[in-house]
Amino acid sequence: MTTVIGVAEEQPLPSPYPLIDYLPAVYADSQGAVRWTAGFDDVLASLINVIDCVHAYVDPLLAPEEFVRWLSSWFGVLLDESWPMTAQRAVVAEAVDLFRMRGTMAGLRRHLAVVLDGDVEIEESGGVSWSARPRPDVADDGEHWVRVVVRTREPSVISEEAVAAVIRAAKPVHVAHTLEVLP
């Protein structure tokens, strides 16, 4: 970048694929053709740069913050703005595995471990029920519940409602839950 009387002037981005190289060799000797294609190179260089780096935009660990939120919509993941960006990136990066384990205690434990910086204890009622009929009546063989205790280094940073939303998303719908956040 050069400075001219206190005004910063950006140098044009060089094109990695100059158009003059793709024309017949007879045009390479013409200064008019070289200057004419250089004008297009200046315009196309920024587009080519984005296309060459598209892999970084779709990698949640490398993408700019606004792209991470956009990528989360690809997976149907709702991100809480109160989470640190590292946790948001981790949830998007592991979305497929988290969805695969959804509805299990292992999935709930993994989802909380990705989002939270601390220890998570999960206690559950145990047992399962199933039915060969679609839309069966709710099983009355006992109450299903999950109790989650989160011990974190900084409890003021954690939104209890955000943690409860993670639990609601990761546990089976019919299972009641309680949450306790401890320092």
C-alpha atoms as a PDB file:
ATOM      1  CA  MET A   1       0.000   0.000   0.000  1.00  0.00           C
ATOM      2  CA  THR A   2       1.378   3.423  -0.902  1.00  0.00           C
ATOM      3  CA  THR A   3       0.498   6.697   0.780  1.00  0.00           C
ATOM      4  CA  VAL A   4      -0.096   9.834  -1.248  1.00  0.00           C
ATOM      5  CA  ILE A   5      -0.563  13.020   0.808  1.00  0.00           C
ATOM      6  CA  GLY A   6      -2.114  11.148   3.740  1.00  0.00           C
ATOM      7  CA  VAL A   7      -4.467   9.064   1.549  1.00  0.00           C
ATOM      8  CA  ALA A   8      -3.891   5.319   1.393  1.00  0.00           C
ATOM      9  CA  GLU A   9      -4.059   3.895  -2.096  1.00  0.00           C
ATOM     10  CA  GLU A  10      -4.422   0.150  -2.552  1.00  0.00           C
ATOM     11  CA  GLN A  11      -2.267  -1.660  -5.043  1.00  0.00           C
ATOM     12  CA  PRO A  12      -4.305  -3.734  -7.495  1.00  0.00           C
ATOM     13  CA  LEU A  13      -4.415  -7.429  -6.733  1.00  0.00           C
ATOM     14  CA  PRO A  14      -2.312  -9.272  -9.320  1.00  0.00           C
ATOM     15  CA  SER A  15      -4.217 -11.812 -11.361  1.00  0.00           C
ATOM     16  CA  PRO A  16      -2.925 -15.367 -11.026  1.00  0.00           C
ATOM     17  CA  TYR A  17      -4.296 -16.078 -14.517  1.00  0.00           C
ATOM     18  CA  PRO A  18      -3.592 -13.089 -16.819  1.00  0.00           C
ATOM     19  CA  LEU A  19      -5.948 -13.128 -19.796  1.00  0.00           C
ATOM     20  CA  ILE A  20      -3.172 -12.255 -22.248  1.00  0.00           C
ATOM     21  CA  ASP A  21      -1.709 -15.724 -21.590  1.00  0.00           C
ATOM     22  CA  TYR A  22      -4.881 -17.304 -22.986  1.00  0.00           C
ATOM     23  CA  LEU A  23      -4.882 -15.338 -26.249  1.00  0.00           C
ATOM     24  CA  PRO A  24      -2.939 -16.370 -29.352  1.00  0.00           C
ATOM     25  CA  ALA A  25       0.757 -15.455 -29.138  1.00  0.00           C
ATOM     26  CA  VAL A  26       0.426 -12.778 -31.824  1.00  0.00           C
ATOM     27  CA  TYR A  27      -1.531 -10.598 -29.325  1.00  0.00           C
ATOM     28  CA  ALA A  28       1.227 -10.806 -26.696  1.00  0.00           C
ATOM     29  CA  ASP A  29       3.359  -8.478 -28.848  1.00  0.00           C
ATOM     30  CA  SER A  30       0.600  -5.841 -29.058  1.00  0.00           C
ATOM     31  CA  GLN A  31       0.819  -3.282 -26.242  1.00  0.00           C
ATOM     32  CA  GLY A  32      -2.840  -2.377 -26.854  1.00  0.00           C
ATOM     33  CA  ALA A  33      -3.983  -5.959 -26.329  1.00  0.00           C
ATOM     34  CA  VAL A  34      -1.811  -6.308 -23.221  1.00  0.00           C
ATOM     35  CA  ARG A  35      -3.224  -3.108 -21.657  1.00  0.00           C
ATOM     36  CA  TRP A  36      -6.786  -3.998 -22.691  1.00  0.00           C
ATOM     37  CA  THR A  37      -6.659  -7.471 -21.081  1.00  0.00           C
ATOM     38  CA  ALA A  38      -4.861  -6.039 -18.008  1.00  0.00           C
ATOM     39  CA  GLY A  39      -7.977  -3.942 -17.332  1.00  0.00           C
ATOM     40  CA  PHE A  40     -10.056  -7.109 -17.196  1.00  0.00           C
ATOM     41  CA  ASP A  41      -7.405  -8.786 -15.050  1.00  0.00           C
ATOM     42  CA  ASP A  42      -7.730  -6.001 -12.459  1.00  0.00           C
ATOM     43  CA  VAL A  43     -11.503  -6.533 -12.268  1.00  0.00           C
ATOM     44  CA  LEU A  44     -11.401 -10.328 -12.276  1.00  0.00           C
ATOM     45  CA  ALA A  45      -8.498 -10.729  -9.818  1.00  0.00           C
ATOM     46  CA  SER A  46     -10.663 -10.225  -6.724  1.00  0.00           C
ATOM     47  CA  LEU A  47     -13.286 -12.688  -8.018  1.00  0.00           C
ATOM     48  CA  ILE A  48     -10.627 -15.264  -8.849  1.00  0.00           C
ATOM     49  CA  ASN A  49      -9.158 -14.811  -5.366  1.00  0.00           C
ATOM     50  CA  VAL A  50     -12.533 -15.575  -3.733  1.00  0.00           C
ATOM     51  CA  ILE A  51     -13.086 -18.622  -5.953  1.00  0.00           C
ATOM     52  CA  ASP A  52      -9.577 -19.916  -5.228  1.00  0.00           C
ATOM     53  CA  CYS A  53     -10.248 -19.591  -1.470  1.00  0.00           C
ATOM     54  CA  VAL A  54     -13.822 -20.925  -1.420  1.00  0.00           C
ATOM     55  CA  HIS A  55     -12.718 -23.927   0.634  1.00  0.00           C
ATOM     56  CA  ALA A  56     -11.853 -21.563   3.492  1.00  0.00           C
ATOM     57  CA  TYR A  57     -15.336 -20.028   3.358  1.00  0.00           C
ATOM     58  CA  VAL A  58     -17.100 -23.374   3.772  1.00  0.00           C
ATOM     59  CA  ASP A  59     -14.794 -24.648   6.518  1.00  0.00           C
ATOM     60  CA  PRO A  60     -16.386 -23.518   9.805  1.00  0.00           C
ATOM     61  CA  LEU A  61     -13.002 -23.436  11.522  1.00  0.00           C
ATOM     62  CA  LEU A  62     -11.593 -20.962   8.967  1.00  0.00           C
ATOM     63  CA  ALA A  63     -14.621 -19.032   7.688  1.00  0.00           C
ATOM     64  CA  PRO A  64     -15.376 -15.435   8.685  1.00  0.00           C
ATOM     65  CA  GLU A  65     -17.851 -15.128  11.576  1.00  0.00           C
ATOM     66  CA  GLU A  66     -20.856 -14.178   9.431  1.00  0.00           C
ATOM     67  CA  PHE A  67     -20.195 -17.201   7.200  1.00  0.00           C
ATOM     68  CA  VAL A  68     -20.182 -19.523  10.230  1.00  0.00           C
ATOM     69  CA  ARG A  69     -23.752 -18.440  11.010  1.00  0.00           C
ATOM     70  CA  TRP A  70     -24.683 -18.918   7.348  1.00  0.00           C
ATOM     71  CA  LEU A  71     -23.093 -22.388   7.289  1.00  0.00           C
ATOM     72  CA  SER A  72     -25.088 -23.318  10.379  1.00  0.00           C
ATOM     73  CA  SER A  73     -28.264 -22.791   8.359  1.00  0.00           C
ATOM     74  CA  TRP A  74     -27.058 -25.482   5.926  1.00  0.00           C
ATOM     75  CA  PHE A  75     -27.344 -28.014   8.744  1.00  0.00           C
ATOM     76  CA  GLY A  76     -30.374 -26.542  10.480  1.00  0.00           C
ATOM     77  CA  VAL A  77     -28.251 -25.688  13.504  1.00  0.00           C
ATOM     78  CA  LEU A  78     -29.438 -22.777  15.618  1.00  0.00           C
ATOM     79  CA  LEU A  79     -26.513 -20.921  17.135  1.00  0.00           C
ATOM     80  CA  ASP A  80     -26.839 -18.823  20.253  1.00  0.00           C
ATOM     81  CA  GLU A  81     -25.158 -15.434  19.891  1.00  0.00           C
ATOM     82  CA  SER A  82     -24.036 -15.599  23.531  1.00  0.00           C
ATOM     83  CA  TRP A  83     -21.762 -18.577  22.844  1.00  0.00           C
ATOM     84  CA  PRO A  84     -18.123 -17.808  22.116  1.00  0.00           C
ATOM     85  CA  MET A  85     -17.240 -17.982  18.421  1.00  0.00           C
ATOM     86  CA  THR A  86     -15.026 -21.027  19.072  1.00  0.00           C
ATOM     87  CA  ALA A  87     -18.061 -22.926  20.395  1.00  0.00           C
ATOM     88  CA  GLN A  88     -20.200 -21.822  17.437  1.00  0.00           C
ATOM     89  CA  ARG A  89     -17.512 -22.978  15.005  1.00  0.00           C
ATOM     90  CA  ALA A  90     -17.181 -26.323  16.821  1.00  0.00           C
ATOM     91  CA  VAL A  91     -20.947 -26.973  16.734  1.00  0.00           C
ATOM     92  CA  VAL A  92     -21.090 -26.317  12.985  1.00  0.00           C
ATOM     93  CA  ALA A  93     -17.975 -28.409  12.355  1.00  0.00           C
ATOM     94  CA  GLU A  94     -19.421 -31.368  14.287  1.00  0.00           C
ATOM     95  CA  ALA A  95     -23.056 -30.892  13.230  1.00  0.00           C
ATOM     96  CA  VAL A  96     -23.285 -34.161  11.309  1.00  0.00           C
ATOM     97  CA  ASP A  97     -21.932 -36.236  14.207  1.00  0.00           C
ATOM     98  CA  LEU A  98     -24.089 -34.371  16.713  1.00  0.00           C
ATOM     99  CA  PHE A  99     -27.218 -35.040  14.655  1.00  0.00           C
ATOM    100  CA  ARG A 100     -26.259 -38.688  14.296  1.00  0.00           C
ATOM    101  CA  MET A 101     -26.142 -39.054  18.102  1.00  0.00           C
ATOM    102  CA  ARG A 102     -29.180 -36.850  18.740  1.00  0.00           C
ATOM    103  CA  GLY A 103     -31.635 -38.276  21.254  1.00  0.00           C
ATOM    104  CA  THR A 104     -29.009 -40.287  23.131  1.00  0.00           C
ATOM    105  CA  MET A 105     -27.230 -39.451  26.356  1.00  0.00           C
ATOM    106  CA  ALA A 106     -23.899 -39.772  24.549  1.00  0.00           C
ATOM    107  CA  GLY A 107     -25.145 -37.205  22.026  1.00  0.00           C
ATOM    108  CA  LEU A 108     -26.312 -34.859  24.777  1.00  0.00           C
ATOM    109  CA  ARG A 109     -22.985 -35.221  26.584  1.00  0.00           C
ATOM    110  CA  ARG A 110     -21.025 -34.546  23.356  1.00  0.00           C
ATOM    111  CA  HIS A 111     -23.169 -31.564  22.399  1.00  0.00           C
ATOM    112  CA  LEU A 112     -22.699 -29.968  25.823  1.00  0.00           C
ATOM    113  CA  ALA A 113     -18.955 -30.698  25.749  1.00  0.00           C
ATOM    114  CA  VAL A 114     -18.649 -28.906  22.396  1.00  0.00           C
ATOM    115  CA  VAL A 115     -20.564 -25.842  23.569  1.00  0.00           C
ATOM    116  CA  LEU A 116     -19.399 -25.510  27.173  1.00  0.00           C
ATOM    117  CA  ASP A 117     -16.016 -25.028  28.762  1.00  0.00           C
ATOM    118  CA  GLY A 118     -16.378 -27.099  31.908  1.00  0.00           C
ATOM    119  CA  ASP A 119     -17.450 -30.415  33.359  1.00  0.00           C
ATOM    120  CA  VAL A 120     -20.850 -31.913  32.597  1.00  0.00           C
ATOM    121  CA  GLU A 121     -22.564 -34.554  34.736  1.00  0.00           C
ATOM    122  CA  ILE A 122     -25.656 -36.282  33.367  1.00  0.00           C
ATOM    123  CA  GLU A 123     -27.942 -38.478  35.414  1.00  0.00           C
ATOM    124  CA  GLU A 124     -30.905 -40.179  33.768  1.00  0.00           C
ATOM    125  CA  SER A 125     -33.876 -42.315  34.730  1.00  0.00           C
ATOM    126  CA  GLY A 126     -32.787 -45.055  32.348  1.00  0.00           C
ATOM    127  CA  GLY A 127     -34.998 -47.415  30.440  1.00  0.00           C
ATOM    128  CA  VAL A 128     -36.629 -47.033  27.080  1.00  0.00           C
ATOM    129  CA  SER A 129     -39.981 -47.756  25.567  1.00  0.00           C
ATOM    130  CA  TRP A 130     -40.976 -48.511  22.021  1.00  0.00           C
ATOM    131  CA  SER A 131     -43.983 -49.532  19.992  1.00  0.00           C
ATOM    132  CA  ALA A 132     -44.585 -51.302  16.713  1.00  0.00           C
ATOM    133  CA  ARG A 133     -47.574 -48.980  16.094  1.00  0.00           C
ATOM    134  CA  PRO A 134     -47.000 -45.545  14.664  1.00  0.00           C
ATOM    135  CA  ARG A 135     -47.891 -42.727  17.060  1.00  0.00           C
ATOM    136  CA  PRO A 136     -48.456 -44.933  20.089  1.00  0.00           C
ATOM    137  CA  ASP A 137     -49.797 -43.645  23.367  1.00  0.00           C
ATOM    138  CA  VAL A 138     -47.143 -42.304  25.681  1.00  0.00           C
ATOM    139  CA  ALA A 139     -45.672 -45.126  27.732  1.00  0.00           C
ATOM    140  CA  ASP A 140     -46.905 -45.072  31.323  1.00  0.00           C
ATOM    141  CA  ASP A 141     -44.334 -47.484  32.654  1.00  0.00           C
ATOM    142  CA  GLY A 142     -42.483 -44.711  34.448  1.00  0.00           C
ATOM    143  CA  GLU A 143     -41.288 -41.192  34.153  1.00  0.00           C
ATOM    144  CA  HIS A 144     -38.295 -40.434  31.924  1.00  0.00           C
ATOM    145  CA  TRP A 145     -35.999 -37.659  33.084  1.00  0.00           C
ATOM    146  CA  VAL A 146     -32.514 -36.251  32.716  1.00  0.00           C
ATOM    147  CA  ARG A 147     -30.655 -34.156  35.278  1.00  0.00           C
ATOM    148  CA  VAL A 148     -27.734 -32.116  33.966  1.00  0.00           C
ATOM    149  CA  VAL A 149     -25.178 -30.476  36.243  1.00  0.00           C
ATOM    150  CA  VAL A 150     -22.696 -28.131  34.597  1.00  0.00           C
ATOM    151  CA  ARG A 151     -19.572 -27.014  36.452  1.00  0.00           C
ATOM    152  CA  THR A 152     -17.886 -24.195  34.603  1.00  0.00           C
ATOM    153  CA  ARG A 153     -14.891 -21.987  35.153  1.00  0.00           C
ATOM    154  CA  GLU A 154     -16.863 -18.821  34.424  1.00  0.00           C
ATOM    155  CA  PRO A 155     -20.587 -19.200  35.251  1.00  0.00           C
ATOM    156  CA  SER A 156     -21.280 -15.547  34.402  1.00  0.00           C
ATOM    157  CA  VAL A 157     -20.312 -16.203  30.760  1.00  0.00           C
ATOM    158  CA  ILE A 158     -22.791 -19.081  30.346  1.00  0.00           C
ATOM    159  CA  SER A 159     -26.382 -18.317  29.502  1.00  0.00           C
ATOM    160  CA  GLU A 160     -28.482 -20.861  31.386  1.00  0.00           C
ATOM    161  CA  GLU A 161     -31.241 -20.481  28.796  1.00  0.00           C
ATOM    162  CA  ALA A 162     -28.774 -21.267  25.987  1.00  0.00           C
ATOM    163  CA  VAL A 163     -27.644 -24.437  27.782  1.00  0.00           C
ATOM    164  CA  ALA A 164     -31.283 -25.422  28.344  1.00  0.00           C
ATOM    165  CA  ALA A 165     -31.908 -24.914  24.600  1.00  0.00           C
ATOM    166  CA  VAL A 166     -29.023 -27.286  23.808  1.00  0.00           C
ATOM    167  CA  ILE A 167     -30.478 -29.875  26.179  1.00  0.00           C
ATOM    168  CA  ARG A 168     -33.967 -29.533  24.643  1.00  0.00           C
ATOM    169  CA  ALA A 169     -32.493 -29.970  21.150  1.00  0.00           C
ATOM    170  CA  ALA A 170     -30.336 -32.989  22.011  1.00  0.00           C
ATOM    171  CA  LYS A 171     -32.606 -35.059  24.272  1.00  0.00           C
ATOM    172  CA  PRO A 172     -35.699 -37.029  23.272  1.00  0.00           C
ATOM    173  CA  VAL A 173     -38.829 -34.872  23.305  1.00  0.00           C
ATOM    174  CA  HIS A 174     -40.730 -36.874  25.916  1.00  0.00           C
ATOM    175  CA  VAL A 175     -37.905 -36.742  28.465  1.00  0.00           C
ATOM    176  CA  ALA A 176     -38.144 -34.071  31.152  1.00  0.00           C
ATOM    177  CA  HIS A 177     -34.927 -32.340  32.147  1.00  0.00           C
ATOM    178  CA  THR A 178     -33.496 -30.213  34.919  1.00  0.00           C
ATOM    179  CA  LEU A 179     -30.394 -28.075  34.701  1.00  0.00           C
ATOM    180  CA  GLU A 180     -28.066 -26.829  37.374  1.00  0.00           C
ATOM    181  CA  VAL A 181     -25.103 -24.527  36.591  1.00  0.00           C
ATOM    182  CA  LEU A 182     -22.430 -24.472  39.295  1.00  0.00           C
ATOM    183  CA  PRO A 183     -19.107 -22.641  39.547  1.00  0.00           C
END
